[in-house]
N, C-alpha and C. Protein backbone atom coordinates (compact mmCIF):
# COMPACT_ATOMS: atom_id res chain seq x y z
N MET A 1 0.93 -0.91 -0.04
CA MET A 1 -0.18 -0.24 -0.13
C MET A 1 1.29 1.42 0.45
N ALA A 2 0.56 2.27 -0.87
CA ALA A 2 1.37 3.14 -0.95
C ALA A 2 0.99 4.60 0.39
N ARG A 3 2.06 5.13 0.69
CA ARG A 3 2.47 5.91 1.53
C ARG A 3 1.12 7.09 1.80
N PRO A 4 0.38 6.95 2.82
CA PRO A 4 -0.93 7.69 2.79
C PRO A 4 -0.46 9.39 2.27
N LYS A 5 -0.93 10.42 1.69
CA LYS A 5 -0.03 11.62 1.38
C LYS A 5 -1.45 12.49 2.14
N SER A 6 -0.60 13.46 2.46
CA SER A 6 -1.58 14.57 2.86
C SER A 6 -2.83 15.05 2.51
N SER A 7 -3.58 15.37 2.88
CA SER A 7 -4.96 15.50 2.30
C SER A 7 -5.70 16.63 2.50
N GLY A 8 -5.00 17.17 3.13
CA GLY A 8 -5.41 18.35 3.89
C GLY A 8 -6.24 18.72 4.57
N LEU A 9 -6.62 17.55 5.12
CA LEU A 9 -8.29 17.43 6.06
C LEU A 9 -7.10 17.91 7.31
N PRO A 10 -8.50 18.22 8.16
CA PRO A 10 -7.97 18.87 9.82
C PRO A 10 -6.74 17.16 10.30
N LYS A 11 -6.34 17.26 11.26
CA LYS A 11 -5.06 16.43 11.91
C LYS A 11 -6.12 15.17 12.52
N ALA A 12 -7.52 15.42 13.10
CA ALA A 12 -8.18 14.82 13.60
C ALA A 12 -8.38 13.78 12.36
N GLU A 13 -8.77 14.09 11.27
CA GLU A 13 -9.60 13.29 10.21
C GLU A 13 -8.20 12.92 9.72
N GLU A 14 -7.04 13.51 9.48
CA GLU A 14 -5.68 13.12 8.95
C GLU A 14 -5.63 11.42 9.44
N GLU A 15 -5.68 11.72 10.92
CA GLU A 15 -5.09 10.50 12.03
C GLU A 15 -6.47 9.01 11.52
N ARG A 16 -7.30 9.90 11.30
CA ARG A 16 -8.49 8.74 10.84
C ARG A 16 -7.96 8.03 9.93
N LEU A 17 -7.97 8.71 8.83
CA LEU A 17 -7.51 7.96 7.82
C LEU A 17 -6.62 6.93 7.60
N ARG A 18 -5.42 7.28 8.32
CA ARG A 18 -4.21 6.62 8.70
C ARG A 18 -4.45 5.94 9.63
N LEU A 19 -5.08 5.66 10.54
CA LEU A 19 -5.75 4.29 11.26
C LEU A 19 -6.38 3.36 10.41
N THR A 20 -7.38 4.05 9.35
CA THR A 20 -8.22 3.29 8.92
C THR A 20 -6.88 2.49 7.72
N GLN A 21 -6.69 3.06 7.16
CA GLN A 21 -4.91 2.41 6.12
C GLN A 21 -4.97 0.97 6.58
N LEU A 22 -4.15 1.35 8.49
CA LEU A 22 -3.79 0.72 8.32
C LEU A 22 -3.88 -0.57 9.21
N LEU A 23 -5.44 -0.30 9.56
CA LEU A 23 -5.97 -1.47 9.81
C LEU A 23 -6.50 -2.13 8.89
N ASP A 24 -6.86 -1.84 7.52
CA ASP A 24 -6.96 -2.45 6.15
C ASP A 24 -5.59 -3.35 6.00
N VAL A 25 -4.53 -2.83 6.36
CA VAL A 25 -3.60 -3.59 5.85
C VAL A 25 -2.81 -4.66 6.88
N ALA A 26 -2.84 -4.36 8.19
CA ALA A 26 -3.51 -5.26 9.16
C ALA A 26 -4.33 -6.68 8.55
N ALA A 27 -5.28 -6.27 8.46
CA ALA A 27 -6.32 -7.31 8.03
C ALA A 27 -5.92 -8.07 6.47
N GLU A 28 -5.20 -7.04 5.81
CA GLU A 28 -4.67 -8.07 4.41
C GLU A 28 -3.86 -9.17 4.69
N VAL A 29 -2.66 -8.91 5.51
CA VAL A 29 -2.14 -9.50 6.47
C VAL A 29 -2.14 -10.70 6.92
N PHE A 30 -3.02 -10.28 7.76
CA PHE A 30 -3.71 -11.63 8.55
C PHE A 30 -4.59 -12.40 7.58
N PHE A 31 -5.66 -11.82 6.99
CA PHE A 31 -6.11 -13.26 5.77
C PHE A 31 -5.33 -13.74 5.59
N GLU A 32 -4.05 -13.31 4.61
CA GLU A 32 -3.03 -14.02 3.72
C GLU A 32 -2.28 -15.35 4.52
N MET A 33 -1.63 -14.03 5.59
CA MET A 33 -0.67 -15.47 6.45
C MET A 33 -1.09 -16.06 7.58
N GLY A 34 -2.44 -15.59 7.91
CA GLY A 34 -3.15 -16.55 9.48
C GLY A 34 -2.78 -15.45 10.55
N TYR A 35 -3.23 -16.01 11.47
CA TYR A 35 -2.77 -15.26 12.75
C TYR A 35 -1.47 -15.39 12.94
N GLU A 36 -1.33 -16.40 13.24
CA GLU A 36 -0.18 -17.07 13.89
C GLU A 36 0.80 -17.21 12.62
N ALA A 37 1.03 -16.49 11.61
CA ALA A 37 1.93 -16.57 10.89
C ALA A 37 2.38 -15.30 11.00
N ALA A 38 1.59 -14.34 10.74
CA ALA A 38 1.28 -13.00 10.69
C ALA A 38 2.07 -12.11 11.89
N SER A 39 2.82 -11.35 10.98
CA SER A 39 3.95 -10.22 12.05
C SER A 39 3.75 -9.12 12.05
N THR A 40 4.11 -8.36 13.35
CA THR A 40 3.90 -7.11 13.25
C THR A 40 4.88 -6.16 12.52
N ALA A 41 5.75 -6.78 12.16
CA ALA A 41 6.93 -6.40 10.92
C ALA A 41 6.63 -6.69 9.89
N GLU A 42 5.74 -7.41 9.65
CA GLU A 42 5.12 -7.58 8.11
C GLU A 42 4.27 -6.22 7.96
N ILE A 43 3.13 -6.05 8.91
CA ILE A 43 2.41 -5.36 8.80
C ILE A 43 2.69 -3.65 8.58
N ALA A 44 3.84 -3.84 9.56
CA ALA A 44 4.48 -2.47 9.43
C ALA A 44 4.91 -1.97 8.03
N ALA A 45 5.84 -2.63 7.60
CA ALA A 45 6.38 -2.56 6.34
C ALA A 45 5.35 -2.71 5.07
N ARG A 46 4.27 -3.05 5.42
CA ARG A 46 3.15 -3.10 4.28
C ARG A 46 3.13 -1.76 4.46
N ALA A 47 2.91 -1.23 5.70
CA ALA A 47 2.07 -0.10 6.11
C ALA A 47 2.47 1.65 5.70
N HIS A 48 3.83 0.50 5.52
CA HIS A 48 5.04 1.84 5.35
C HIS A 48 5.46 2.91 6.16
N SER A 49 5.12 1.70 7.45
CA SER A 49 5.28 2.36 8.94
C SER A 49 6.48 1.75 9.90
N SER A 50 6.48 2.45 11.02
CA SER A 50 7.89 1.23 11.51
C SER A 50 7.18 0.05 12.84
N LYS A 51 7.72 -0.60 13.32
CA LYS A 51 7.60 -1.22 14.30
C LYS A 51 7.14 -0.70 15.22
N ARG A 52 7.79 0.69 15.58
CA ARG A 52 7.37 1.34 16.76
C ARG A 52 6.75 2.03 16.78
N ALA A 53 5.87 2.73 16.03
CA ALA A 53 4.92 3.76 15.48
C ALA A 53 3.76 2.70 15.59
N LEU A 54 3.78 1.68 15.23
CA LEU A 54 2.80 0.26 15.42
C LEU A 54 2.53 -0.09 16.80
N TYR A 55 3.30 0.26 17.19
CA TYR A 55 3.36 -0.22 18.84
C TYR A 55 2.90 0.90 19.80
N SER A 56 3.02 2.04 19.02
CA SER A 56 2.44 3.39 19.92
C SER A 56 0.83 3.22 19.90
N ARG A 57 0.41 2.49 18.53
CA ARG A 57 -0.93 2.51 18.63
C ARG A 57 -1.51 1.36 19.20
N PHE A 58 -0.73 0.09 18.99
CA PHE A 58 -1.30 -0.91 19.41
C PHE A 58 -0.08 -1.76 19.96
N ALA A 59 -0.87 -2.19 21.77
CA ALA A 59 0.15 -2.65 22.56
C ALA A 59 0.79 -4.42 21.93
N SER A 60 0.03 -4.95 21.01
CA SER A 60 0.15 -6.25 20.83
C SER A 60 -0.40 -6.37 19.80
N LYS A 61 0.11 -7.63 18.85
CA LYS A 61 -0.63 -7.96 17.85
C LYS A 61 -2.00 -8.59 18.24
N GLU A 62 -2.35 -9.00 19.68
CA GLU A 62 -3.39 -9.62 19.90
C GLU A 62 -4.35 -8.32 19.82
N GLU A 63 -3.82 -7.20 20.32
CA GLU A 63 -4.71 -5.70 20.45
C GLU A 63 -4.97 -5.67 19.03
N LEU A 64 -4.35 -5.49 18.37
CA LEU A 64 -4.35 -5.22 16.67
C LEU A 64 -4.96 -6.02 15.98
N PHE A 65 -5.64 -7.23 16.50
CA PHE A 65 -6.24 -8.28 15.98
C PHE A 65 -7.50 -8.03 16.08
N MET A 66 -8.00 -7.22 17.06
CA MET A 66 -9.36 -6.82 17.87
C MET A 66 -9.84 -5.90 17.15
N ALA A 67 -8.39 -4.83 17.53
CA ALA A 67 -8.54 -3.47 16.25
C ALA A 67 -9.30 -3.82 15.31
N VAL A 68 -8.88 -4.66 14.21
CA VAL A 68 -9.45 -5.26 12.87
C VAL A 68 -10.66 -5.71 12.78
N ILE A 69 -11.44 -6.09 14.01
CA ILE A 69 -12.53 -7.43 14.37
C ILE A 69 -13.48 -5.71 14.69
N ASP A 70 -13.02 -5.13 15.36
CA ASP A 70 -14.09 -4.05 15.38
C ASP A 70 -14.06 -3.04 14.23
N HIS A 71 -13.07 -2.68 13.72
CA HIS A 71 -12.97 -2.35 12.60
C HIS A 71 -13.92 -2.56 11.32
N ARG A 72 -13.71 -4.06 10.86
CA ARG A 72 -14.54 -4.74 10.18
C ARG A 72 -15.95 -4.73 10.36
N THR A 73 -16.52 -5.33 11.82
CA THR A 73 -17.74 -5.36 12.36
C THR A 73 -18.34 -3.90 12.03
N ALA A 74 -18.21 -2.80 12.61
CA ALA A 74 -18.88 -1.42 12.53
C ALA A 74 -18.95 -1.15 11.27
N LYS A 75 -18.19 -0.98 10.16
CA LYS A 75 -18.25 -0.56 8.90
C LYS A 75 -19.73 -1.70 8.71
N ILE A 76 -20.11 -2.83 9.21
CA ILE A 76 -21.33 -3.20 8.18
C ILE A 76 -22.59 -2.81 9.63
N ALA A 77 -22.19 -3.10 10.48
CA ALA A 77 -22.89 -1.86 11.58
C ALA A 77 -23.55 -0.79 11.19
N ASP A 78 -22.52 -0.07 10.51
CA ASP A 78 -22.86 1.61 10.53
C ASP A 78 -23.72 1.82 8.90
N LYS A 79 -23.60 0.56 8.07
CA LYS A 79 -24.50 0.24 6.77
C LYS A 79 -25.68 0.47 7.27
N VAL A 80 -25.80 -0.14 8.52
CA VAL A 80 -27.13 -1.29 8.24
C VAL A 80 -27.75 -0.06 9.24
N THR A 81 -26.80 0.98 10.25
CA THR A 81 -28.16 1.73 11.48
C THR A 81 -28.31 2.58 10.85
N VAL A 82 -27.67 3.00 9.54
CA VAL A 82 -28.48 4.30 8.60
C VAL A 82 -29.67 3.69 8.09
N LEU A 83 -29.94 2.27 7.56
CA LEU A 83 -31.11 1.81 7.09
C LEU A 83 -32.21 2.55 8.15
N PHE A 84 -31.81 1.98 9.49
CA PHE A 84 -33.31 2.30 10.30
C PHE A 84 -33.93 3.44 11.03
N GLN A 85 -32.67 4.35 10.10
CA GLN A 85 -32.94 5.75 10.49
C GLN A 85 -33.70 6.48 9.40
N GLU A 86 -34.10 6.07 8.33
CA GLU A 86 -35.05 6.22 7.34
C GLU A 86 -36.28 5.93 7.46
N GLU A 87 -37.13 6.99 7.34
CA GLU A 87 -38.64 6.50 7.57
C GLU A 87 -39.32 6.09 6.30
N ARG A 88 -39.46 4.46 6.57
CA ARG A 88 -40.15 4.08 5.33
C ARG A 88 -41.04 3.15 5.85
N PRO A 89 -41.89 2.44 5.17
CA PRO A 89 -42.97 1.24 5.26
C PRO A 89 -42.06 0.30 6.18
N ILE A 90 -42.20 -0.21 6.77
CA ILE A 90 -41.26 -1.67 7.45
C ILE A 90 -40.96 -2.86 6.67
N ARG A 91 -41.65 -2.89 5.66
CA ARG A 91 -41.34 -3.81 4.92
C ARG A 91 -40.34 -3.49 3.99
N GLU A 92 -39.99 -2.14 3.53
CA GLU A 92 -38.86 -1.40 2.38
C GLU A 92 -38.07 -2.01 3.42
N THR A 93 -37.69 -1.14 4.62
CA THR A 93 -36.90 -1.24 5.93
C THR A 93 -36.30 -2.26 5.55
N LEU A 94 -37.25 -3.69 6.20
CA LEU A 94 -36.56 -4.74 6.01
C LEU A 94 -35.88 -5.31 5.05
N LEU A 95 -36.43 -4.79 3.80
CA LEU A 95 -36.16 -5.91 2.77
C LEU A 95 -34.66 -5.04 2.35
N GLU A 96 -34.19 -3.37 2.59
CA GLU A 96 -33.21 -2.94 2.53
C GLU A 96 -31.96 -3.29 3.75
N VAL A 97 -32.46 -3.53 4.64
CA VAL A 97 -31.38 -4.69 6.00
C VAL A 97 -31.21 -5.77 5.26
N ALA A 98 -32.24 -6.39 4.48
CA ALA A 98 -32.05 -8.22 4.53
C ALA A 98 -30.75 -7.93 3.37
N ARG A 99 -30.88 -7.08 2.40
CA ARG A 99 -29.89 -7.16 1.30
C ARG A 99 -28.62 -6.77 1.68
N GLU A 100 -28.25 -5.50 2.28
CA GLU A 100 -27.28 -5.25 2.75
C GLU A 100 -26.32 -6.21 3.76
N LEU A 101 -27.27 -6.64 4.67
CA LEU A 101 -27.01 -8.02 5.57
C LEU A 101 -26.47 -8.97 4.49
N LEU A 102 -27.17 -9.23 3.54
CA LEU A 102 -26.82 -10.64 2.43
C LEU A 102 -25.53 -10.25 2.11
N ARG A 103 -25.40 -9.49 1.25
CA ARG A 103 -23.59 -8.84 0.58
C ARG A 103 -22.90 -8.49 1.77
N SER A 104 -23.40 -8.35 2.69
CA SER A 104 -21.86 -7.66 4.14
C SER A 104 -21.76 -9.05 4.41
N LEU A 105 -22.00 -10.54 5.02
CA LEU A 105 -21.96 -11.14 5.58
C LEU A 105 -21.41 -12.26 4.92
N LEU A 106 -22.26 -11.87 3.42
CA LEU A 106 -21.29 -13.05 2.83
C LEU A 106 -20.44 -12.47 1.75
N SER A 107 -19.62 -11.44 1.83
CA SER A 107 -18.24 -11.09 1.24
C SER A 107 -17.61 -11.49 1.32
N GLU A 108 -16.48 -11.85 0.62
CA GLU A 108 -15.48 -12.34 0.98
C GLU A 108 -14.86 -12.13 2.16
N GLU A 109 -14.28 -10.60 2.13
CA GLU A 109 -13.79 -9.92 3.34
C GLU A 109 -14.28 -10.59 4.26
N HIS A 110 -15.87 -10.39 4.63
CA HIS A 110 -16.02 -11.15 6.05
C HIS A 110 -16.14 -12.61 6.62
N THR A 111 -16.31 -13.01 5.03
CA THR A 111 -16.06 -14.50 5.11
C THR A 111 -14.39 -14.58 5.79
N ALA A 112 -13.63 -14.21 5.06
CA ALA A 112 -12.26 -14.30 5.63
C ALA A 112 -11.62 -14.19 7.21
N LEU A 113 -12.59 -12.63 7.99
CA LEU A 113 -12.57 -12.50 8.52
C LEU A 113 -13.18 -13.55 9.79
N MET A 114 -14.44 -14.32 9.65
CA MET A 114 -14.77 -15.46 10.52
C MET A 114 -14.25 -16.54 10.11
N ARG A 115 -13.89 -16.60 9.43
CA ARG A 115 -12.62 -17.81 9.19
C ARG A 115 -11.78 -18.23 10.33
N LEU A 116 -10.92 -16.63 9.74
CA LEU A 116 -9.62 -16.35 10.73
C LEU A 116 -10.00 -16.68 12.38
N VAL A 117 -11.22 -16.12 12.63
CA VAL A 117 -11.28 -15.84 13.91
C VAL A 117 -11.83 -17.40 14.66
N TYR A 118 -12.81 -17.56 13.63
CA TYR A 118 -13.25 -19.47 14.15
C TYR A 118 -11.78 -20.19 14.10
N THR A 119 -10.82 -19.98 13.34
CA THR A 119 -9.64 -20.79 13.23
C THR A 119 -8.94 -20.75 15.12
N GLN A 120 -8.96 -19.62 15.54
CA GLN A 120 -8.24 -19.13 16.73
C GLN A 120 -9.25 -19.27 17.73
N ALA A 121 -10.21 -19.81 17.38
CA ALA A 121 -11.03 -19.55 18.80
C ALA A 121 -11.03 -20.18 20.14
N LEU A 122 -10.01 -21.14 19.95
CA LEU A 122 -9.82 -22.31 21.35
C LEU A 122 -8.59 -21.32 21.87
N GLN A 123 -7.58 -21.17 20.75
CA GLN A 123 -6.43 -20.12 21.28
C GLN A 123 -6.27 -18.71 21.47
N PHE A 124 -7.45 -18.43 21.11
CA PHE A 124 -7.74 -16.89 21.42
C PHE A 124 -9.30 -16.35 21.59
N PRO A 125 -9.59 -17.14 22.69
CA PRO A 125 -11.36 -16.91 22.88
C PRO A 125 -11.87 -15.31 23.10
N LYS A 126 -10.80 -14.53 23.49
CA LYS A 126 -11.26 -13.25 23.60
C LYS A 126 -11.69 -12.43 22.27
N ALA A 127 -10.92 -13.27 21.14
CA ALA A 127 -11.51 -12.97 19.58
C ALA A 127 -12.74 -13.19 19.50
N ALA A 128 -12.71 -14.44 19.59
CA ALA A 128 -13.82 -15.16 19.08
C ALA A 128 -15.27 -14.48 20.12
N GLN A 129 -14.76 -14.12 21.20
CA GLN A 129 -16.44 -13.60 22.31
C GLN A 129 -16.50 -12.29 21.77
N TYR A 130 -15.42 -11.39 21.10
CA TYR A 130 -15.35 -9.87 20.86
C TYR A 130 -15.95 -9.99 19.48
N MET A 131 -15.65 -10.85 18.32
CA MET A 131 -16.52 -11.04 17.05
C MET A 131 -17.73 -11.14 17.51
N THR A 132 -18.67 -12.13 18.66
CA THR A 132 -19.60 -11.86 18.72
C THR A 132 -20.56 -10.80 18.87
N GLU A 133 -19.74 -9.97 20.02
CA GLU A 133 -20.29 -8.87 20.51
C GLU A 133 -20.44 -7.80 19.57
N ARG A 134 -19.49 -7.77 18.76
CA ARG A 134 -19.40 -6.84 18.04
C ARG A 134 -20.46 -6.93 16.53
N GLY A 135 -20.13 -8.42 16.44
CA GLY A 135 -21.03 -8.34 15.29
C GLY A 135 -22.41 -9.01 15.30
N PRO A 136 -22.70 -9.96 15.55
CA PRO A 136 -24.24 -11.00 15.63
C PRO A 136 -24.68 -9.89 16.95
N ASP A 137 -24.36 -10.06 18.34
CA ASP A 137 -25.05 -9.44 19.41
C ASP A 137 -25.39 -8.33 18.88
N ARG A 138 -24.51 -7.22 18.64
CA ARG A 138 -24.71 -5.77 18.52
C ARG A 138 -25.83 -5.86 17.23
N GLY A 139 -25.82 -6.60 15.73
CA GLY A 139 -26.88 -6.06 15.43
C GLY A 139 -28.14 -6.67 15.63
N ILE A 140 -28.14 -8.10 16.54
CA ILE A 140 -29.28 -7.75 17.04
C ILE A 140 -30.18 -6.56 17.95
N VAL A 141 -28.97 -6.29 18.40
CA VAL A 141 -29.51 -5.33 19.38
C VAL A 141 -30.21 -4.16 18.66
N LYS A 142 -29.38 -4.23 17.82
CA LYS A 142 -29.98 -2.39 16.39
C LYS A 142 -31.30 -2.66 16.20
N LEU A 143 -31.48 -4.05 15.27
CA LEU A 143 -32.79 -4.67 14.92
C LEU A 143 -33.97 -4.64 15.98
N ALA A 144 -33.45 -5.61 17.24
CA ALA A 144 -34.44 -5.54 18.61
C ALA A 144 -35.13 -3.68 18.40
N ALA A 145 -34.20 -2.83 18.75
CA ALA A 145 -34.52 -1.57 19.00
C ALA A 145 -35.60 -1.05 17.80
N HIS A 146 -35.57 -1.14 16.63
CA HIS A 146 -36.34 -1.00 15.63
C HIS A 146 -37.19 -1.72 15.18
N LEU A 147 -37.62 -2.85 16.20
CA LEU A 147 -38.65 -3.30 16.03
C LEU A 147 -39.71 -3.31 17.05
N LYS A 148 -38.75 -2.69 17.94
CA LYS A 148 -39.47 -2.21 19.32
C LYS A 148 -40.74 -1.01 19.07
N LYS A 149 -39.82 -0.32 18.02
CA LYS A 149 -39.95 1.23 17.58
C LYS A 149 -41.27 0.66 16.79
N GLN A 150 -41.46 -0.36 15.66
CA GLN A 150 -42.38 -0.42 14.95
C GLN A 150 -43.77 -1.22 16.14
N VAL A 151 -43.54 -1.59 16.94
CA VAL A 151 -44.92 -2.02 17.79
C VAL A 151 -45.37 -0.77 18.29
N THR A 152 -44.86 0.60 18.43
CA THR A 152 -45.48 1.52 19.34
C THR A 152 -46.35 2.26 18.09
N ARG A 153 -45.44 2.27 16.74
CA ARG A 153 -46.12 2.28 15.55
C ARG A 153 -47.63 1.41 14.98
N GLY A 154 -47.59 0.38 15.53
CA GLY A 154 -48.72 -0.23 15.60
C GLY A 154 -48.75 -0.94 14.30
N THR A 155 -47.50 -1.42 13.27
CA THR A 155 -46.91 -1.94 12.40
C THR A 155 -46.85 -3.41 12.57
N LEU A 156 -46.15 -3.72 13.62
CA LEU A 156 -45.78 -5.45 14.28
C LEU A 156 -46.53 -5.57 15.73
N THR A 157 -46.46 -6.41 15.76
CA THR A 157 -47.15 -7.30 17.13
C THR A 157 -45.97 -8.41 17.41
N LEU A 158 -45.50 -8.18 18.94
CA LEU A 158 -44.63 -8.87 19.09
C LEU A 158 -44.32 -8.50 20.88
N ASN A 159 -44.30 -9.45 21.00
CA ASN A 159 -44.20 -9.78 22.86
C ASN A 159 -42.34 -9.31 23.55
N ASP A 160 -41.64 -9.88 22.17
CA ASP A 160 -40.07 -9.73 23.03
C ASP A 160 -39.27 -8.92 21.80
N SER A 161 -39.13 -7.74 21.85
CA SER A 161 -38.36 -8.06 20.00
C SER A 161 -36.86 -8.56 20.54
N GLN A 162 -35.90 -8.87 21.30
CA GLN A 162 -34.69 -9.46 20.92
C GLN A 162 -34.92 -10.91 20.57
N VAL A 163 -36.14 -11.39 20.50
CA VAL A 163 -36.05 -12.85 20.33
C VAL A 163 -36.92 -12.74 18.77
N ALA A 164 -37.61 -12.17 18.30
CA ALA A 164 -38.45 -11.27 16.99
C ALA A 164 -36.96 -10.99 15.91
N ALA A 165 -35.80 -10.40 16.63
CA ALA A 165 -34.46 -9.74 15.72
C ALA A 165 -33.85 -11.34 15.75
N GLN A 166 -34.13 -12.18 16.53
CA GLN A 166 -33.19 -13.69 15.97
C GLN A 166 -34.15 -13.93 15.15
N HIS A 167 -35.07 -14.29 15.24
CA HIS A 167 -36.35 -14.92 14.06
C HIS A 167 -35.89 -14.50 12.74
N PHE A 168 -35.72 -13.26 12.75
CA PHE A 168 -35.37 -12.43 11.48
C PHE A 168 -34.35 -12.95 10.77
N ALA A 169 -33.08 -12.73 11.89
CA ALA A 169 -31.39 -12.98 11.65
C ALA A 169 -31.97 -14.37 11.17
N GLY A 170 -32.59 -15.39 11.42
CA GLY A 170 -32.67 -17.09 11.12
C GLY A 170 -33.09 -17.35 9.98
N LEU A 171 -34.47 -16.51 9.81
CA LEU A 171 -34.93 -16.77 8.56
C LEU A 171 -34.00 -16.14 7.04
N LEU A 172 -33.71 -15.02 7.41
CA LEU A 172 -32.25 -14.69 6.40
C LEU A 172 -31.31 -15.05 6.09
N VAL A 173 -30.23 -15.70 7.09
CA VAL A 173 -29.23 -16.14 6.56
C VAL A 173 -28.86 -17.18 7.19
N GLY A 174 -30.11 -17.89 8.10
CA GLY A 174 -29.59 -19.70 8.13
C GLY A 174 -28.46 -19.91 8.56
N ASP A 175 -28.01 -20.86 7.24
CA ASP A 175 -26.48 -21.20 7.63
C ASP A 175 -25.37 -20.83 6.43
N LEU A 176 -26.09 -19.93 6.04
CA LEU A 176 -25.54 -19.55 4.42
C LEU A 176 -23.66 -19.01 5.24
N VAL A 177 -23.96 -18.44 5.84
CA VAL A 177 -22.27 -17.97 6.76
C VAL A 177 -21.72 -19.47 7.16
N HIS A 178 -22.01 -20.38 7.31
CA HIS A 178 -21.79 -21.39 7.70
C HIS A 178 -21.13 -21.91 6.84
N ARG A 179 -22.21 -21.98 5.22
CA ARG A 179 -21.39 -22.73 4.38
C ARG A 179 -20.14 -21.92 3.17
N ALA A 180 -20.46 -20.64 3.79
CA ALA A 180 -19.55 -19.86 3.16
C ALA A 180 -18.17 -19.88 3.58
N MET A 181 -18.12 -20.30 5.05
CA MET A 181 -16.37 -20.46 5.49
C MET A 181 -16.41 -21.83 5.48
N LEU A 182 -16.76 -22.77 5.21
CA LEU A 182 -16.46 -23.87 4.26
C LEU A 182 -16.00 -24.00 2.50
N GLY A 183 -16.38 -23.13 2.14
CA GLY A 183 -16.44 -23.06 0.82
C GLY A 183 -17.38 -23.43 0.03
N LEU A 184 -18.69 -23.87 0.60
CA LEU A 184 -19.53 -24.64 0.05
C LEU A 184 -20.46 -23.65 -0.75
N GLU A 185 -21.22 -23.99 -1.99
CA GLU A 185 -21.90 -23.15 -2.70
C GLU A 185 -23.04 -22.54 -2.20
N ILE A 186 -23.05 -20.66 -1.90
CA ILE A 186 -24.13 -20.37 -1.66
C ILE A 186 -24.15 -19.62 -2.66
N PRO A 187 -25.60 -18.64 -2.89
CA PRO A 187 -26.29 -17.74 -3.95
C PRO A 187 -25.35 -16.30 -3.47
N HIS A 188 -25.00 -16.23 -5.10
CA HIS A 188 -24.20 -14.93 -5.28
C HIS A 188 -24.91 -13.54 -6.46
N SER A 189 -25.64 -14.43 -6.92
CA SER A 189 -25.94 -13.26 -7.79
C SER A 189 -26.94 -12.67 -7.26
N GLN A 190 -27.48 -11.41 -7.50
CA GLN A 190 -27.98 -10.36 -7.17
C GLN A 190 -29.83 -10.65 -6.94
N ARG A 191 -30.13 -11.63 -7.99
CA ARG A 191 -31.63 -12.20 -8.39
C ARG A 191 -31.45 -12.94 -6.95
N GLN A 192 -30.55 -13.97 -6.33
CA GLN A 192 -30.62 -14.93 -5.42
C GLN A 192 -30.83 -14.39 -4.52
N PHE A 193 -29.87 -13.07 -4.43
CA PHE A 193 -29.88 -12.65 -2.76
C PHE A 193 -31.43 -11.76 -2.57
N GLU A 194 -32.26 -11.43 -3.40
CA GLU A 194 -33.38 -10.39 -3.78
C GLU A 194 -34.09 -11.35 -2.79
N THR A 195 -34.20 -12.88 -3.87
CA THR A 195 -35.34 -13.31 -3.44
C THR A 195 -35.22 -13.78 -2.08
N ARG A 196 -33.75 -14.26 -1.70
CA ARG A 196 -33.70 -14.79 -0.24
C ARG A 196 -34.24 -13.61 0.65
N ALA A 197 -33.81 -12.40 0.41
CA ALA A 197 -34.17 -11.23 1.39
C ALA A 197 -35.53 -10.93 1.39
N GLU A 198 -36.21 -11.63 0.27
CA GLU A 198 -38.36 -11.38 0.06
C GLU A 198 -38.97 -12.59 0.97
N LEU A 199 -38.24 -13.69 0.88
CA LEU A 199 -39.03 -14.65 1.72
C LEU A 199 -38.82 -14.78 2.91
N ALA A 200 -37.87 -14.21 3.53
CA ALA A 200 -37.06 -13.89 4.86
C ALA A 200 -37.95 -13.03 5.38
N VAL A 201 -38.02 -11.77 4.87
CA VAL A 201 -38.92 -10.39 5.25
C VAL A 201 -40.41 -10.91 5.13
N ASP A 202 -40.88 -11.68 4.01
CA ASP A 202 -42.66 -12.14 4.37
C ASP A 202 -43.03 -13.27 5.13
N ALA A 203 -41.77 -13.94 5.13
CA ALA A 203 -42.33 -15.29 6.30
C ALA A 203 -42.42 -14.10 7.56
N PHE A 204 -41.58 -13.72 7.85
CA PHE A 204 -40.91 -12.83 9.16
C PHE A 204 -42.73 -12.08 9.39
N LEU A 205 -43.12 -11.13 8.49
CA LEU A 205 -44.26 -10.46 8.72
C LEU A 205 -45.42 -10.91 8.34
N LYS A 206 -45.09 -12.31 8.28
CA LYS A 206 -46.49 -13.45 8.02
C LYS A 206 -47.10 -13.55 9.65
N ILE A 207 -45.19 -13.70 10.76
CA ILE A 207 -45.65 -13.94 11.86
C ILE A 207 -45.70 -12.96 12.98
N TYR A 208 -44.74 -11.90 12.54
CA TYR A 208 -45.44 -10.50 13.07
C TYR A 208 -46.13 -9.37 12.49
N GLY A 209 -46.24 -9.68 11.64
CA GLY A 209 -46.81 -7.97 11.17
C GLY A 209 -48.11 -7.83 11.47
N ARG A 210 -48.88 -6.46 11.51
CA ARG A 210 -50.32 -6.31 12.14
C ARG A 210 -50.90 -5.95 10.80
N SER A 211 -52.11 -6.50 10.44
CA SER A 211 -52.64 -6.51 9.41
C SER A 211 -53.34 -5.10 9.37
């Protein structure tokens, strides 16, 4: 990766950009070499940095890996959160959420991250726990909050928004992430994603929607 050039941005924004680029490089190295084989020296070299500068940000390789997890999962969460803020009919919102989740969760980058965390789960359980908290758990909480608002607006009928959110995720994703991590065939085309999203949303609304 080329050394970041001065963008004329405020110092805080420039620093955020440099951190993002460093985390992207770190993810690239982890995915390519595996967690154990990846070294901070290799990451620093590819990021056109020094080990000293790297360690000024992250005290260890473990801490850097956790930051990569947070960075990657936050990007998905941010995309979905924006969709919840838009005022649209419930079916339209859920369809957009479903499409975005399928694109993000089944992407090569996310699949590679999940596979890496799973292979390290026994040796590095803290990373597995963090991935769960920052990924699926955070997503369920945000979806549950949106569903709860829909109940007050009279568009949904449910007693437990957390359980309903889990039902939605199960209808949508099912075993797709598991199959993707194993390298098995999964839907890839836009039409297949659209069909999967529509079936999941319509099944969810048949259970929880208010006529």
